[in-house]
């Protein structure tokens, strides 16, 4: 299998994983988890930031069709996930430490961007589980931005750290021929 076919095949699989995992978690109303970026993190860790960003973008476009239009603006969040993980892995390999640091950075950055989108386009409410907390915080006198941000912060810290570490353990156990495909050896030679 040539390099382009491998990237496209795994990228399509990653989009499907994001959509299925995100939809299952959303439908089960599991708190503190989204799991809709696992595929994005996986592709970014192995193939770099641009492929990761593309998987993130495509994920939210598919979710916009299957789950509702509100997912589409949040594509920016998933693109950021791909860029952060991809550049982190490019610089240091996708090690435990880079996975953990990426998870923490994403856990802080994603709710900031997500809150700006939620407040700017949807008045802070997006139909998710966190809307209950947003409403409660808003009625308690908190500003709309803070009310929309605080629940997202807690959820994203848990979700992004767990997702990044889950992908680390998956990547760690993959065959080296997949982790270090031709043209990507230097970038990901430190998976350990």
Protein backbone atom coordinates (compact mmCIF):
# COMPACT_ATOMS: atom_id res chain seq x y z
CA UNK A 1 0.00 0.00 0.00
CA UNK A 2 1.49 3.34 -0.97
CA UNK A 3 1.80 6.24 1.46
CA UNK A 4 -1.12 8.30 0.16
CA UNK A 5 -3.49 5.33 0.20
CA UNK A 6 -2.44 4.50 3.77
CA UNK A 7 -3.04 8.06 4.99
CA UNK A 8 -6.40 8.36 3.22
CA UNK A 9 -7.58 4.94 4.44
CA UNK A 10 -6.57 5.55 8.04
CA UNK A 11 -7.90 9.12 7.84
CA UNK A 12 -11.33 7.88 6.73
CA UNK A 13 -11.27 5.29 9.52
CA UNK A 14 -10.31 8.03 12.01
CA UNK A 15 -13.25 10.20 10.92
CA UNK A 16 -15.57 7.21 11.37
CA UNK A 17 -14.12 6.50 14.83
CA UNK A 18 -14.61 10.15 15.84
CA UNK A 19 -18.21 10.19 14.60
CA UNK A 20 -19.20 6.84 16.12
CA UNK A 21 -17.45 7.39 19.47
CA UNK A 22 -18.75 10.96 19.76
CA UNK A 23 -22.29 9.93 18.87
CA UNK A 24 -22.34 6.98 21.28
CA UNK A 25 -20.99 9.08 24.17
CA UNK A 26 -23.45 11.88 23.37
CA UNK A 27 -26.45 9.55 23.12
CA UNK A 28 -25.50 7.79 26.36
CA UNK A 29 -25.13 11.23 28.01
CA UNK A 30 -21.81 10.21 29.57
CA UNK A 31 -20.54 13.19 31.56
CA UNK A 32 -17.02 14.59 31.13
CA UNK A 33 -16.37 12.74 27.87
CA UNK A 34 -16.78 13.45 24.19
CA UNK A 35 -14.29 10.97 22.63
CA UNK A 36 -14.91 12.68 19.29
CA UNK A 37 -11.23 13.56 18.79
CA UNK A 38 -9.56 10.17 19.29
CA UNK A 39 -9.23 9.64 15.53
CA UNK A 40 -7.95 13.18 15.03
CA UNK A 41 -5.30 12.69 17.71
CA UNK A 42 -4.30 9.33 16.21
CA UNK A 43 -3.80 10.68 12.69
CA UNK A 44 -2.02 13.82 13.93
CA UNK A 45 0.34 11.76 16.10
CA UNK A 46 1.34 9.50 13.20
CA UNK A 47 1.05 11.66 10.07
CA UNK A 48 1.38 15.20 11.34
CA UNK A 49 -0.62 18.36 11.95
CA UNK A 50 -2.13 18.94 8.51
CA UNK A 51 -3.57 15.43 8.19
CA UNK A 52 -4.80 15.66 11.79
CA UNK A 53 -6.45 19.02 11.09
CA UNK A 54 -8.10 17.62 7.95
CA UNK A 55 -9.52 14.65 9.89
CA UNK A 56 -10.83 17.07 12.53
CA UNK A 57 -12.50 19.26 9.91
CA UNK A 58 -14.08 16.31 8.09
CA UNK A 59 -15.31 14.85 11.38
CA UNK A 60 -17.33 17.93 12.21
CA UNK A 61 -18.68 18.24 8.69
CA UNK A 62 -19.95 14.65 8.91
CA UNK A 63 -21.34 15.30 12.41
CA UNK A 64 -23.07 18.38 11.02
CA UNK A 65 -24.92 16.17 8.56
CA UNK A 66 -25.61 13.25 10.91
CA UNK A 67 -26.15 14.98 14.26
CA UNK A 68 -27.12 18.54 13.49
CA UNK A 69 -25.70 21.75 12.12
CA UNK A 70 -24.39 22.92 15.51
CA UNK A 71 -21.39 20.57 15.11
CA UNK A 72 -20.07 22.39 12.04
CA UNK A 73 -18.74 25.58 13.70
CA UNK A 74 -16.95 23.45 16.29
CA UNK A 75 -14.80 22.04 13.47
CA UNK A 76 -12.34 24.76 14.46
CA UNK A 77 -11.87 23.03 17.83
CA UNK A 78 -11.17 19.67 16.16
CA UNK A 79 -8.76 21.33 13.69
CA UNK A 80 -6.88 22.82 16.65
CA UNK A 81 -6.65 19.33 18.18
CA UNK A 82 -4.99 18.04 15.01
CA UNK A 83 -2.57 20.95 14.84
CA UNK A 84 -1.53 20.85 18.51
CA UNK A 85 -0.99 17.07 18.60
CA UNK A 86 0.64 16.99 15.17
CA UNK A 87 3.17 19.72 15.93
CA UNK A 88 3.87 18.23 19.36
CA UNK A 89 4.48 14.79 17.87
CA UNK A 90 6.58 16.26 15.06
CA UNK A 91 8.87 17.97 17.53
CA UNK A 92 9.24 15.28 20.20
CA UNK A 93 7.60 12.10 18.91
CA UNK A 94 4.38 10.90 20.45
CA UNK A 95 5.72 9.88 23.85
CA UNK A 96 3.79 9.59 27.10
CA UNK A 97 4.98 13.05 28.14
CA UNK A 98 3.99 14.70 24.85
CA UNK A 99 0.61 12.94 24.95
CA UNK A 100 0.01 14.17 28.50
CA UNK A 101 1.15 17.71 27.72
CA UNK A 102 -0.93 17.77 24.53
CA UNK A 103 -3.95 16.59 26.51
CA UNK A 104 -3.50 19.33 29.09
CA UNK A 105 -2.94 22.05 26.46
CA UNK A 106 -6.02 20.87 24.55
CA UNK A 107 -7.99 20.64 27.78
CA UNK A 108 -7.37 24.36 28.27
CA UNK A 109 -7.39 25.60 24.66
CA UNK A 110 -10.43 23.71 23.34
CA UNK A 111 -12.92 25.06 25.90
CA UNK A 112 -11.74 28.62 25.25
CA UNK A 113 -12.36 28.28 21.51
CA UNK A 114 -15.50 26.19 22.06
CA UNK A 115 -16.93 28.76 24.46
CA UNK A 116 -16.34 31.60 22.02
CA UNK A 117 -18.20 29.61 19.35
CA UNK A 118 -20.99 28.54 21.74
CA UNK A 119 -21.58 32.05 23.08
CA UNK A 120 -21.12 33.82 19.76
CA UNK A 121 -23.35 31.57 17.68
CA UNK A 122 -25.69 29.81 20.09
CA UNK A 123 -26.02 32.07 23.13
CA UNK A 124 -23.96 29.63 25.21
CA UNK A 125 -26.31 26.67 24.79
CA UNK A 126 -25.55 23.89 22.31
CA UNK A 127 -27.89 21.09 23.34
CA UNK A 128 -25.21 19.16 25.22
CA UNK A 129 -25.14 17.80 28.74
CA UNK A 130 -23.21 20.87 29.91
CA UNK A 131 -26.19 23.12 29.13
CA UNK A 132 -27.67 22.27 32.54
CA UNK A 133 -24.55 23.59 34.24
CA UNK A 134 -24.47 26.63 31.94
CA UNK A 135 -28.06 27.49 32.85
CA UNK A 136 -27.44 26.96 36.57
CA UNK A 137 -24.30 29.11 36.55
CA UNK A 138 -26.03 31.82 34.52
CA UNK A 139 -28.97 31.92 36.94
CA UNK A 140 -26.51 32.09 39.83
CA UNK A 141 -25.25 35.38 38.44
CA UNK A 142 -22.19 34.26 36.50
CA UNK A 143 -21.44 36.02 33.22
CA UNK A 144 -22.54 34.15 30.10
CA UNK A 145 -18.95 33.51 29.01
CA UNK A 146 -17.92 32.12 32.42
CA UNK A 147 -21.12 30.06 32.66
CA UNK A 148 -20.43 28.51 29.25
CA UNK A 149 -16.67 28.14 29.85
CA UNK A 150 -16.48 26.50 33.28
CA UNK A 151 -18.41 23.30 32.44
CA UNK A 152 -16.49 22.97 29.17
CA UNK A 153 -13.18 23.40 30.99
CA UNK A 154 -13.81 20.47 33.33
CA UNK A 155 -15.15 18.24 30.56
CA UNK A 156 -12.34 19.06 28.16
CA UNK A 157 -9.55 18.55 30.67
CA UNK A 158 -10.83 15.05 31.40
CA UNK A 159 -11.75 14.18 27.81
CA UNK A 160 -8.63 15.50 26.07
CA UNK A 161 -6.16 14.04 28.57
CA UNK A 162 -7.87 10.63 28.45
CA UNK A 163 -8.14 10.73 24.65
CA UNK A 164 -4.48 11.71 24.20
CA UNK A 165 -3.28 8.99 26.58
CA UNK A 166 -5.56 6.38 24.99
CA UNK A 167 -4.05 7.17 21.60
CA UNK A 168 -0.54 7.04 23.08
CA UNK A 169 -1.16 3.47 24.27
CA UNK A 170 -2.64 2.52 20.89
CA UNK A 171 0.28 4.04 18.96
CA UNK A 172 2.79 2.46 21.32
CA UNK A 173 1.45 -1.01 20.45
CA UNK A 174 1.19 -0.54 16.68
CA UNK A 175 3.68 -2.15 14.30
CA UNK A 176 6.64 0.11 13.55
CA UNK A 177 5.87 -0.11 9.82
CA UNK A 178 2.63 1.76 10.45
CA UNK A 179 4.00 4.20 13.02
CA UNK A 180 7.02 5.07 10.89
CA UNK A 181 5.80 4.93 7.31
CA UNK A 182 8.23 6.02 4.63
CA UNK A 183 8.70 9.78 4.79
CA UNK A 184 7.66 10.05 8.44
CA UNK A 185 10.48 8.15 10.18
CA UNK A 186 12.28 11.14 11.65
CA UNK A 187 9.10 12.77 12.88
CA UNK A 188 7.77 9.83 14.86
CA UNK A 189 10.87 7.85 15.69
CA UNK A 190 10.45 8.56 19.39
CA UNK A 191 7.22 6.68 20.04
CA UNK A 192 7.97 4.94 23.31
